Amino acid sequence: MTDDDREPFDDFDRRLRDARGGERSRDERSGERRLNYGPGLQAGVDVVAGVAGGTLIGWALDTWLETAPVLLVVFLVLGSVAGLRNAVRTLQKLARDDEERG
C-alpha cells in the first residue's frame, strides 16, 4: 500500500476521532462502566453445547449400534455435566478476574 492509498484512511481516522471527541470513548469520559455480557453468554453457550453435543453423540451411537435410548440418556447426562462444568469454570474465572481488579 502506498502513501497515496493511505491518505483517505488517515483522514477518516482523524474525522472519526474528532467525532468521538478525542481519543477517549464516551464511556471513559462519563466514568460509567460498560456491561460485559461475554462471560455470561459463554457460560450459556457452554451448557447448551454440552447438552446438544451429548444428545447428538448419544443418538448417533444408538442409531448405529441399535441400542435404543440407552446411549442417548448416558451421553445426554455426560454432555450436561461437561457443559455445566465448563460454565462453572468460566464464571469462576470471571469472579477471580473481578476480584483481582478490586
PDB file of N, CA and C in Angstrom:
ATOM      1  N   MET A   1       0.853  -1.168   0.000  1.00  0.00           N
ATOM      2  CA  MET A   1       0.000   0.000   0.000  1.00  0.00           C
ATOM      3  C   MET A   1       0.898   1.229   0.000  1.00  0.00           C
ATOM      4  N   THR A   2       0.665   2.124  -0.905  1.00  0.00           N
ATOM      5  CA  THR A   2       1.471   3.331  -0.999  1.00  0.00           C
ATOM      6  C   THR A   2       0.926   4.395  -0.058  1.00  0.00           C
ATOM      7  N   ASP A   3       1.710   5.464   0.105  1.00  0.00           N
ATOM      8  CA  ASP A   3       1.270   6.574   0.958  1.00  0.00           C
ATOM      9  C   ASP A   3       0.014   7.234   0.416  1.00  0.00           C
ATOM     10  N   ASP A   4      -0.115   7.277  -0.923  1.00  0.00           N
ATOM     11  CA  ASP A   4      -1.307   7.875  -1.524  1.00  0.00           C
ATOM     12  C   ASP A   4      -2.557   7.078  -1.174  1.00  0.00           C
ATOM     13  N   ASP A   5      -2.424   5.757  -1.098  1.00  0.00           N
ATOM     14  CA  ASP A   5      -3.566   4.917  -0.741  1.00  0.00           C
ATOM     15  C   ASP A   5      -3.934   5.074   0.725  1.00  0.00           C
ATOM     16  N   ARG A   6      -2.993   5.416   1.558  1.00  0.00           N
ATOM     17  CA  ARG A   6      -3.210   5.510   2.995  1.00  0.00           C
ATOM     18  C   ARG A   6      -3.874   6.838   3.397  1.00  0.00           C
ATOM     19  N   GLU A   7      -3.719   7.879   2.595  1.00  0.00           N
ATOM     20  CA  GLU A   7      -4.236   9.196   2.956  1.00  0.00           C
ATOM     21  C   GLU A   7      -5.735   9.210   3.247  1.00  0.00           C
ATOM     22  N   PRO A   8      -6.592   8.562   2.450  1.00  0.00           N
ATOM     23  CA  PRO A   8      -8.020   8.583   2.785  1.00  0.00           C
ATOM     24  C   PRO A   8      -8.303   7.930   4.142  1.00  0.00           C
ATOM     25  N   PHE A   9      -7.526   6.891   4.489  1.00  0.00           N
ATOM     26  CA  PHE A   9      -7.723   6.239   5.773  1.00  0.00           C
ATOM     27  C   PHE A   9      -7.302   7.146   6.923  1.00  0.00           C
ATOM     28  N   ASP A  10      -6.197   7.863   6.745  1.00  0.00           N
ATOM     29  CA  ASP A  10      -5.752   8.794   7.786  1.00  0.00           C
ATOM     30  C   ASP A  10      -6.789   9.890   8.004  1.00  0.00           C
ATOM     31  N   ASP A  11      -7.345  10.385   6.906  1.00  0.00           N
ATOM     32  CA  ASP A  11      -8.372  11.415   7.007  1.00  0.00           C
ATOM     33  C   ASP A  11      -9.611  10.865   7.722  1.00  0.00           C
ATOM     34  N   PHE A  12     -10.006   9.648   7.380  1.00  0.00           N
ATOM     35  CA  PHE A  12     -11.154   9.033   8.030  1.00  0.00           C
ATOM     36  C   PHE A  12     -10.884   8.828   9.525  1.00  0.00           C
ATOM     37  N   ASP A  13      -9.685   8.353   9.875  1.00  0.00           N
ATOM     38  CA  ASP A  13      -9.333   8.170  11.282  1.00  0.00           C
ATOM     39  C   ASP A  13      -9.408   9.486  12.053  1.00  0.00           C
ATOM     40  N   ARG A  14      -8.915  10.560  11.439  1.00  0.00           N
ATOM     41  CA  ARG A  14      -8.949  11.871  12.091  1.00  0.00           C
ATOM     42  C   ARG A  14     -10.381  12.337  12.294  1.00  0.00           C
ATOM     43  N   ARG A  15     -11.223  12.187  11.263  1.00  0.00           N
ATOM     44  CA  ARG A  15     -12.619  12.611  11.388  1.00  0.00           C
ATOM     45  C   ARG A  15     -13.378  11.771  12.414  1.00  0.00           C
ATOM     46  N   LEU A  16     -13.095  10.490  12.451  1.00  0.00           N
ATOM     47  CA  LEU A  16     -13.744   9.618  13.432  1.00  0.00           C
ATOM     48  C   LEU A  16     -13.324   9.995  14.852  1.00  0.00           C
ATOM     49  N   ARG A  17     -12.051  10.256  15.052  1.00  0.00           N
ATOM     50  CA  ARG A  17     -11.541  10.663  16.366  1.00  0.00           C
ATOM     51  C   ARG A  17     -12.168  11.988  16.789  1.00  0.00           C
ATOM     52  N   ASP A  18     -12.292  12.927  15.846  1.00  0.00           N
ATOM     53  CA  ASP A  18     -12.917  14.212  16.158  1.00  0.00           C
ATOM     54  C   ASP A  18     -14.392  14.034  16.507  1.00  0.00           C
ATOM     55  N   ALA A  19     -15.074  13.175  15.788  1.00  0.00           N
ATOM     56  CA  ALA A  19     -16.496  12.944  16.049  1.00  0.00           C
ATOM     57  C   ALA A  19     -16.706  12.306  17.416  1.00  0.00           C
ATOM     58  N   ARG A  20     -15.761  11.487  17.840  1.00  0.00           N
ATOM     59  CA  ARG A  20     -15.866  10.852  19.158  1.00  0.00           C
ATOM     60  C   ARG A  20     -15.427  11.785  20.278  1.00  0.00           C
ATOM     61  N   GLY A  21     -14.842  12.892  19.921  1.00  0.00           N
ATOM     62  CA  GLY A  21     -14.426  13.860  20.930  1.00  0.00           C
ATOM     63  C   GLY A  21     -13.032  13.594  21.463  1.00  0.00           C
ATOM     64  N   GLY A  22     -12.163  13.106  20.660  1.00  0.00           N
ATOM     65  CA  GLY A  22     -10.799  12.832  21.097  1.00  0.00           C
ATOM     66  C   GLY A  22     -10.540  11.339  21.137  1.00  0.00           C
ATOM     67  N   GLU A  23      -9.526  10.964  21.859  1.00  0.00           N
ATOM     68  CA  GLU A  23      -9.100   9.573  21.915  1.00  0.00           C
ATOM     69  C   GLU A  23      -9.995   8.714  22.799  1.00  0.00           C
ATOM     70  N   ARG A  24     -10.569   9.307  23.841  1.00  0.00           N
ATOM     71  CA  ARG A  24     -11.343   8.511  24.792  1.00  0.00           C
ATOM     72  C   ARG A  24     -12.762   8.313  24.304  1.00  0.00           C
ATOM     73  N   SER A  25     -13.329   7.178  24.641  1.00  0.00           N
ATOM     74  CA  SER A  25     -14.705   6.910  24.260  1.00  0.00           C
ATOM     75  C   SER A  25     -15.664   7.631  25.197  1.00  0.00           C
ATOM     76  N   ARG A  26     -16.935   7.658  24.849  1.00  0.00           N
ATOM     77  CA  ARG A  26     -17.941   8.332  25.664  1.00  0.00           C
ATOM     78  C   ARG A  26     -18.028   7.706  27.059  1.00  0.00           C
ATOM     79  N   ASP A  27     -17.913   6.364  27.140  1.00  0.00           N
ATOM     80  CA  ASP A  27     -17.982   5.687  28.433  1.00  0.00           C
ATOM     81  C   ASP A  27     -16.824   6.094  29.337  1.00  0.00           C
ATOM     82  N   GLU A  28     -15.641   6.276  28.751  1.00  0.00           N
ATOM     83  CA  GLU A  28     -14.484   6.679  29.547  1.00  0.00           C
ATOM     84  C   GLU A  28     -14.648   8.110  30.058  1.00  0.00           C
ATOM     85  N   ARG A  29     -15.220   8.987  29.234  1.00  0.00           N
ATOM     86  CA  ARG A  29     -15.392  10.380  29.655  1.00  0.00           C
ATOM     87  C   ARG A  29     -16.428  10.494  30.766  1.00  0.00           C
ATOM     88  N   SER A  30     -17.495   9.708  30.683  1.00  0.00           N
ATOM     89  CA  SER A  30     -18.549   9.817  31.682  1.00  0.00           C
ATOM     90  C   SER A  30     -18.217   9.046  32.950  1.00  0.00           C
ATOM     91  N   GLY A  31     -17.204   8.175  32.891  1.00  0.00           N
ATOM     92  CA  GLY A  31     -16.825   7.398  34.061  1.00  0.00           C
ATOM     93  C   GLY A  31     -17.700   6.180  34.288  1.00  0.00           C
ATOM     94  N   GLU A  32     -18.626   5.893  33.375  1.00  0.00           N
ATOM     95  CA  GLU A  32     -19.504   4.738  33.533  1.00  0.00           C
ATOM     96  C   GLU A  32     -18.784   3.466  33.121  1.00  0.00           C
ATOM     97  N   ARG A  33     -19.128   2.374  33.818  1.00  0.00           N
ATOM     98  CA  ARG A  33     -18.594   1.070  33.433  1.00  0.00           C
ATOM     99  C   ARG A  33     -19.519   0.449  32.401  1.00  0.00           C
ATOM    100  N   ARG A  34     -18.940  -0.171  31.415  1.00  0.00           N
ATOM    101  CA  ARG A  34     -19.732  -0.858  30.404  1.00  0.00           C
ATOM    102  C   ARG A  34     -20.064  -2.250  30.896  1.00  0.00           C
ATOM    103  N   LEU A  35     -21.257  -2.700  30.575  1.00  0.00           N
ATOM    104  CA  LEU A  35     -21.646  -4.055  30.930  1.00  0.00           C
ATOM    105  C   LEU A  35     -20.926  -5.038  30.018  1.00  0.00           C
ATOM    106  N   ASN A  36     -20.446  -6.120  30.611  1.00  0.00           N
ATOM    107  CA  ASN A  36     -19.732  -7.129  29.849  1.00  0.00           C
ATOM    108  C   ASN A  36     -20.542  -8.419  29.872  1.00  0.00           C
ATOM    109  N   TYR A  37     -21.246  -8.668  28.780  1.00  0.00           N
ATOM    110  CA  TYR A  37     -22.094  -9.852  28.698  1.00  0.00           C
ATOM    111  C   TYR A  37     -21.331 -11.082  28.211  1.00  0.00           C
ATOM    112  N   GLY A  38     -20.115 -10.919  27.764  1.00  0.00           N
ATOM    113  CA  GLY A  38     -19.352 -12.006  27.159  1.00  0.00           C
ATOM    114  C   GLY A  38     -19.235 -13.258  28.010  1.00  0.00           C
ATOM    115  N   PRO A  39     -18.762 -13.158  29.246  1.00  0.00           N
ATOM    116  CA  PRO A  39     -18.620 -14.376  30.057  1.00  0.00           C
ATOM    117  C   PRO A  39     -19.953 -15.063  30.344  1.00  0.00           C
ATOM    118  N   GLY A  40     -21.009 -14.304  30.549  1.00  0.00           N
ATOM    119  CA  GLY A  40     -22.319 -14.902  30.784  1.00  0.00           C
ATOM    120  C   GLY A  40     -22.831 -15.636  29.555  1.00  0.00           C
ATOM    121  N   LEU A  41     -22.642 -15.024  28.396  1.00  0.00           N
ATOM    122  CA  LEU A  41     -23.034 -15.689  27.158  1.00  0.00           C
ATOM    123  C   LEU A  41     -22.195 -16.937  26.919  1.00  0.00           C
ATOM    124  N   GLN A  42     -20.909 -16.845  27.242  1.00  0.00           N
ATOM    125  CA  GLN A  42     -20.038 -18.005  27.079  1.00  0.00           C
ATOM    126  C   GLN A  42     -20.492 -19.155  27.972  1.00  0.00           C
ATOM    127  N   ALA A  43     -20.883 -18.854  29.203  1.00  0.00           N
ATOM    128  CA  ALA A  43     -21.372 -19.892  30.119  1.00  0.00           C
ATOM    129  C   ALA A  43     -22.646 -20.527  29.571  1.00  0.00           C
ATOM    130  N   GLY A  44     -23.537 -19.733  29.043  1.00  0.00           N
ATOM    131  CA  GLY A  44     -24.764 -20.266  28.461  1.00  0.00           C
ATOM    132  C   GLY A  44     -24.498 -21.132  27.243  1.00  0.00           C
ATOM    133  N   VAL A  45     -23.587 -20.702  26.405  1.00  0.00           N
ATOM    134  CA  VAL A  45     -23.231 -21.478  25.221  1.00  0.00           C
ATOM    135  C   VAL A  45     -22.578 -22.796  25.635  1.00  0.00           C
ATOM    136  N   ASP A  46     -21.755 -22.762  26.685  1.00  0.00           N
ATOM    137  CA  ASP A  46     -21.126 -23.984  27.179  1.00  0.00           C
ATOM    138  C   ASP A  46     -22.171 -25.016  27.581  1.00  0.00           C
ATOM    139  N   VAL A  47     -23.194 -24.582  28.306  1.00  0.00           N
ATOM    140  CA  VAL A  47     -24.236 -25.505  28.752  1.00  0.00           C
ATOM    141  C   VAL A  47     -25.015 -26.051  27.553  1.00  0.00           C
ATOM    142  N   VAL A  48     -25.449 -25.170  26.674  1.00  0.00           N
ATOM    143  CA  VAL A  48     -26.238 -25.592  25.512  1.00  0.00           C
ATOM    144  C   VAL A  48     -25.413 -26.521  24.610  1.00  0.00           C
ATOM    145  N   ALA A  49     -24.161 -26.191  24.385  1.00  0.00           N
ATOM    146  CA  ALA A  49     -23.319 -27.020  23.526  1.00  0.00           C
ATOM    147  C   ALA A  49     -23.078 -28.391  24.149  1.00  0.00           C
ATOM    148  N   GLY A  50     -22.890 -28.431  25.454  1.00  0.00           N
ATOM    149  CA  GLY A  50     -22.696 -29.717  26.121  1.00  0.00           C
ATOM    150  C   GLY A  50     -23.915 -30.609  25.995  1.00  0.00           C
ATOM    151  N   VAL A  51     -25.079 -30.056  26.253  1.00  0.00           N
ATOM    152  CA  VAL A  51     -26.320 -30.830  26.145  1.00  0.00           C
ATOM    153  C   VAL A  51     -26.553 -31.265  24.694  1.00  0.00           C
ATOM    154  N   ALA A  52     -26.410 -30.350  23.759  1.00  0.00           N
ATOM    155  CA  ALA A  52     -26.640 -30.675  22.348  1.00  0.00           C
ATOM    156  C   ALA A  52     -25.617 -31.688  21.845  1.00  0.00           C
ATOM    157  N   GLY A  53     -24.363 -31.491  22.199  1.00  0.00           N
ATOM    158  CA  GLY A  53     -23.323 -32.422  21.764  1.00  0.00           C
ATOM    159  C   GLY A  53     -23.530 -33.818  22.329  1.00  0.00           C
ATOM    160  N   GLY A  54     -23.832 -33.901  23.612  1.00  0.00           N
ATOM    161  CA  GLY A  54     -24.087 -35.195  24.225  1.00  0.00           C
ATOM    162  C   GLY A  54     -25.290 -35.887  23.613  1.00  0.00           C
ATOM    163  N   THR A  55     -26.352 -35.133  23.378  1.00  0.00           N
ATOM    164  CA  THR A  55     -27.547 -35.701  22.764  1.00  0.00           C
ATOM    165  C   THR A  55     -27.261 -36.208  21.363  1.00  0.00           C
ATOM    166  N   LEU A  56     -26.553 -35.429  20.579  1.00  0.00           N
ATOM    167  CA  LEU A  56     -26.235 -35.817  19.206  1.00  0.00           C
ATOM    168  C   LEU A  56     -25.355 -37.064  19.172  1.00  0.00           C
ATOM    169  N   ILE A  57     -24.341 -37.113  20.002  1.00  0.00           N
ATOM    170  CA  ILE A  57     -23.459 -38.280  20.039  1.00  0.00           C
ATOM    171  C   ILE A  57     -24.228 -39.513  20.506  1.00  0.00           C
ATOM    172  N   GLY A  58     -25.030 -39.365  21.555  1.00  0.00           N
ATOM    173  CA  GLY A  58     -25.820 -40.488  22.043  1.00  0.00           C
ATOM    174  C   GLY A  58     -26.804 -40.998  21.015  1.00  0.00           C
ATOM    175  N   TRP A  59     -27.483 -40.102  20.334  1.00  0.00           N
ATOM    176  CA  TRP A  59     -28.434 -40.503  19.297  1.00  0.00           C
ATOM    177  C   TRP A  59     -27.726 -41.230  18.157  1.00  0.00           C
ATOM    178  N   ALA A  60     -26.567 -40.695  17.733  1.00  0.00           N
ATOM    179  CA  ALA A  60     -25.828 -41.316  16.626  1.00  0.00           C
ATOM    180  C   ALA A  60     -25.357 -42.714  17.011  1.00  0.00           C
ATOM    181  N   LEU A  61     -24.832 -42.866  18.216  1.00  0.00           N
ATOM    182  CA  LEU A  61     -24.377 -44.185  18.650  1.00  0.00           C
ATOM    183  C   LEU A  61     -25.543 -45.158  18.811  1.00  0.00           C
ATOM    184  N   ASP A  62     -26.669 -44.672  19.330  1.00  0.00           N
ATOM    185  CA  ASP A  62     -27.854 -45.526  19.452  1.00  0.00           C
ATOM    186  C   ASP A  62     -28.340 -45.995  18.086  1.00  0.00           C
ATOM    187  N   THR A  63     -28.322 -45.113  17.118  1.00  0.00           N
ATOM    188  CA  THR A  63     -28.754 -45.461  15.773  1.00  0.00           C
ATOM    189  C   THR A  63     -27.799 -46.485  15.158  1.00  0.00           C
ATOM    190  N   TRP A  64     -26.514 -46.266  15.342  1.00  0.00           N
ATOM    191  CA  TRP A  64     -25.505 -47.128  14.744  1.00  0.00           C
ATOM    192  C   TRP A  64     -25.481 -48.508  15.407  1.00  0.00           C
ATOM    193  N   LEU A  65     -25.537 -48.526  16.743  1.00  0.00           N
ATOM    194  CA  LEU A  65     -25.436 -49.785  17.481  1.00  0.00           C
ATOM    195  C   LEU A  65     -26.782 -50.415  17.804  1.00  0.00           C
ATOM    196  N   GLU A  66     -27.862 -49.739  17.451  1.00  0.00           N
ATOM    197  CA  GLU A  66     -29.234 -50.213  17.701  1.00  0.00           C
ATOM    198  C   GLU A  66     -29.453 -50.554  19.174  1.00  0.00           C
ATOM    199  N   THR A  67     -29.083 -49.632  20.037  1.00  0.00           N
ATOM    200  CA  THR A  67     -29.234 -49.844  21.488  1.00  0.00           C
ATOM    201  C   THR A  67     -30.331 -48.974  22.075  1.00  0.00           C
ATOM    202  N   ALA A  68     -31.222 -48.498  21.236  1.00  0.00           N
ATOM    203  CA  ALA A  68     -32.345 -47.637  21.648  1.00  0.00           C
ATOM    204  C   ALA A  68     -31.915 -46.617  22.703  1.00  0.00           C
ATOM    205  N   PRO A  69     -32.705 -46.144  23.591  1.00  0.00           N
ATOM    206  CA  PRO A  69     -32.339 -44.888  24.253  1.00  0.00           C
ATOM    207  C   PRO A  69     -31.224 -44.974  25.294  1.00  0.00           C
ATOM    208  N   VAL A  70     -30.551 -46.105  25.418  1.00  0.00           N
ATOM    209  CA  VAL A  70     -29.544 -46.255  26.477  1.00  0.00           C
ATOM    210  C   VAL A  70     -28.402 -45.261  26.313  1.00  0.00           C
ATOM    211  N   LEU A  71     -27.751 -45.269  25.167  1.00  0.00           N
ATOM    212  CA  LEU A  71     -26.602 -44.382  24.964  1.00  0.00           C
ATOM    213  C   LEU A  71     -27.033 -42.924  24.853  1.00  0.00           C
ATOM    214  N   LEU A  72     -28.223 -42.679  24.355  1.00  0.00           N
ATOM    215  CA  LEU A  72     -28.739 -41.316  24.295  1.00  0.00           C
ATOM    216  C   LEU A  72     -28.820 -40.718  25.694  1.00  0.00           C
ATOM    217  N   VAL A  73     -29.375 -41.489  26.621  1.00  0.00           N
ATOM    218  CA  VAL A  73     -29.501 -41.000  28.001  1.00  0.00           C
ATOM    219  C   VAL A  73     -28.129 -40.837  28.636  1.00  0.00           C
ATOM    220  N   VAL A  74     -27.246 -41.804  28.433  1.00  0.00           N
ATOM    221  CA  VAL A  74     -25.911 -41.742  29.026  1.00  0.00           C
ATOM    222  C   VAL A  74     -25.163 -40.504  28.525  1.00  0.00           C
ATOM    223  N   PHE A  75     -25.158 -40.293  27.219  1.00  0.00           N
ATOM    224  CA  PHE A  75     -24.413 -39.157  26.667  1.00  0.00           C
ATOM    225  C   PHE A  75     -25.106 -37.827  26.918  1.00  0.00           C
ATOM    226  N   LEU A  76     -26.412 -37.842  27.075  1.00  0.00           N
ATOM    227  CA  LEU A  76     -27.118 -36.620  27.457  1.00  0.00           C
ATOM    228  C   LEU A  76     -26.664 -36.180  28.846  1.00  0.00           C
ATOM    229  N   VAL A  77     -26.574 -37.121  29.766  1.00  0.00           N
ATOM    230  CA  VAL A  77     -26.115 -36.800  31.118  1.00  0.00           C
ATOM    231  C   VAL A  77     -24.653 -36.356  31.099  1.00  0.00           C
ATOM    232  N   LEU A  78     -23.797 -37.095  30.371  1.00  0.00           N
ATOM    233  CA  LEU A  78     -22.384 -36.720  30.294  1.00  0.00           C
ATOM    234  C   LEU A  78     -22.198 -35.336  29.655  1.00  0.00           C
ATOM    235  N   GLY A  79     -22.942 -35.057  28.596  1.00  0.00           N
ATOM    236  CA  GLY A  79     -22.850 -33.746  27.952  1.00  0.00           C
ATOM    237  C   GLY A  79     -23.334 -32.629  28.854  1.00  0.00           C
ATOM    238  N   SER A  80     -24.388 -32.899  29.620  1.00  0.00           N
ATOM    239  CA  SER A  80     -24.905 -31.892  30.557  1.00  0.00           C
ATOM    240  C   SER A  80     -23.884 -31.592  31.642  1.00  0.00           C
ATOM    241  N   VAL A  81     -23.278 -32.639  32.175  1.00  0.00           N
ATOM    242  CA  VAL A  81     -22.264 -32.451  33.219  1.00  0.00           C
ATOM    243  C   VAL A  81     -21.062 -31.684  32.671  1.00  0.00           C
ATOM    244  N   ALA A  82     -20.621 -32.057  31.479  1.00  0.00           N
ATOM    245  CA  ALA A  82     -19.483 -31.364  30.876  1.00  0.00           C
ATOM    246  C   ALA A  82     -19.808 -29.891  30.602  1.00  0.00           C
ATOM    247  N   GLY A  83     -21.007 -29.616  30.095  1.00  0.00           N
ATOM    248  CA  GLY A  83     -21.400 -28.236  29.829  1.00  0.00           C
ATOM    249  C   GLY A  83     -21.482 -27.407  31.098  1.00  0.00           C
ATOM    250  N   LEU A  84     -22.075 -27.975  32.141  1.00  0.00           N
ATOM    251  CA  LEU A  84     -22.159 -27.252  33.412  1.00  0.00           C
ATOM    252  C   LEU A  84     -20.779 -27.028  34.012  1.00  0.00           C
ATOM    253  N   ARG A  85     -19.916 -28.022  33.894  1.00  0.00           N
ATOM    254  CA  ARG A  85     -18.552 -27.881  34.430  1.00  0.00           C
ATOM    255  C   ARG A  85     -17.812 -26.748  33.717  1.00  0.00           C
ATOM    256  N   ASN A  86     -17.941 -26.695  32.401  1.00  0.00           N
ATOM    257  CA  ASN A  86     -17.298 -25.615  31.647  1.00  0.00           C
ATOM    258  C   ASN A  86     -17.888 -24.255  32.005  1.00  0.00           C
ATOM    259  N   ALA A  87     -19.187 -24.195  32.211  1.00  0.00           N
ATOM    260  CA  ALA A  87     -19.823 -22.936  32.592  1.00  0.00           C
ATOM    261  C   ALA A  87     -19.322 -22.474  33.961  1.00  0.00           C
ATOM    262  N   VAL A  88     -19.214 -23.403  34.896  1.00  0.00           N
ATOM    263  CA  VAL A  88     -18.714 -23.049  36.230  1.00  0.00           C
ATOM    264  C   VAL A  88     -17.279 -22.548  36.139  1.00  0.00           C
ATOM    265  N   ARG A  89     -16.452 -23.186  35.322  1.00  0.00           N
ATOM    266  CA  ARG A  89     -15.070 -22.719  35.145  1.00  0.00           C
ATOM    267  C   ARG A  89     -15.034 -21.293  34.601  1.00  0.00           C
ATOM    268  N   THR A  90     -15.872 -21.029  33.609  1.00  0.00           N
ATOM    269  CA  THR A  90     -15.915 -19.695  33.014  1.00  0.00           C
ATOM    270  C   THR A  90     -16.322 -18.655  34.050  1.00  0.00           C
ATOM    271  N   LEU A  91     -17.348 -18.954  34.835  1.00  0.00           N
ATOM    272  CA  LEU A  91     -17.826 -17.997  35.829  1.00  0.00           C
ATOM    273  C   LEU A  91     -16.839 -17.846  36.988  1.00  0.00           C
ATOM    274  N   GLN A  92     -16.140 -18.920  37.358  1.00  0.00           N
ATOM    275  CA  GLN A  92     -15.110 -18.806  38.397  1.00  0.00           C
ATOM    276  C   GLN A  92     -13.959 -17.932  37.920  1.00  0.00           C
ATOM    277  N   LYS A  93     -13.576 -18.075  36.664  1.00  0.00           N
ATOM    278  CA  LYS A  93     -12.515 -17.234  36.108  1.00  0.00           C
ATOM    279  C   LYS A  93     -12.950 -15.770  36.107  1.00  0.00           C
ATOM    280  N   LEU A  94     -14.209 -15.517  35.753  1.00  0.00           N
ATOM    281  CA  LEU A  94     -14.739 -14.159  35.777  1.00  0.00           C
ATOM    282  C   LEU A  94     -14.682 -13.583  37.187  1.00  0.00           C
ATOM    283  N   ALA A  95     -15.094 -14.367  38.177  1.00  0.00           N
ATOM    284  CA  ALA A  95     -15.074 -13.900  39.561  1.00  0.00           C
ATOM    285  C   ALA A  95     -13.645 -13.644  40.026  1.00  0.00           C
ATOM    286  N   ARG A  96     -12.718 -14.516  39.649  1.00  0.00           N
ATOM    287  CA  ARG A  96     -11.314 -14.355  40.043  1.00  0.00           C
ATOM    288  C   ARG A  96     -10.727 -13.092  39.417  1.00  0.00           C
ATOM    289  N   ASP A  97     -11.016 -12.858  38.132  1.00  0.00           N
ATOM    290  CA  ASP A  97     -10.524 -11.656  37.466  1.00  0.00           C
ATOM    291  C   ASP A  97     -11.114 -10.390  38.076  1.00  0.00           C
ATOM    292  N   ASP A  98     -12.394 -10.428  38.412  1.00  0.00           N
ATOM    293  CA  ASP A  98     -13.062  -9.285  39.028  1.00  0.00           C
ATOM    294  C   ASP A  98     -12.482  -9.001  40.401  1.00  0.00           C
ATOM    295  N   GLU A  99     -12.155 -10.053  41.147  1.00  0.00           N
ATOM    296  CA  GLU A  99     -11.573  -9.885  42.478  1.00  0.00           C
ATOM    297  C   GLU A  99     -10.179  -9.286  42.395  1.00  0.00           C
ATOM    298  N   GLU A 100      -9.403  -9.673  41.391  1.00  0.00           N
ATOM    299  CA  GLU A 100      -8.054  -9.138  41.211  1.00  0.00           C
ATOM    300  C   GLU A 100      -8.085  -7.657  40.855  1.00  0.00           C
ATOM    301  N   ARG A 101      -9.112  -7.252  40.077  1.00  0.00           N
ATOM    302  CA  ARG A 101      -9.235  -5.838  39.704  1.00  0.00           C
ATOM    303  C   ARG A 101      -9.653  -4.966  40.873  1.00  0.00           C
ATOM    304  N   GLY A 102     -10.267  -5.582  41.878  1.00  0.00           N
ATOM    305  CA  GLY A 102     -10.614  -4.839  43.080  1.00  0.00           C
ATOM    306  C   GLY A 102     -11.965  -4.392  43.113  1.00  0.00           C
TER     307      GLY A 102
END
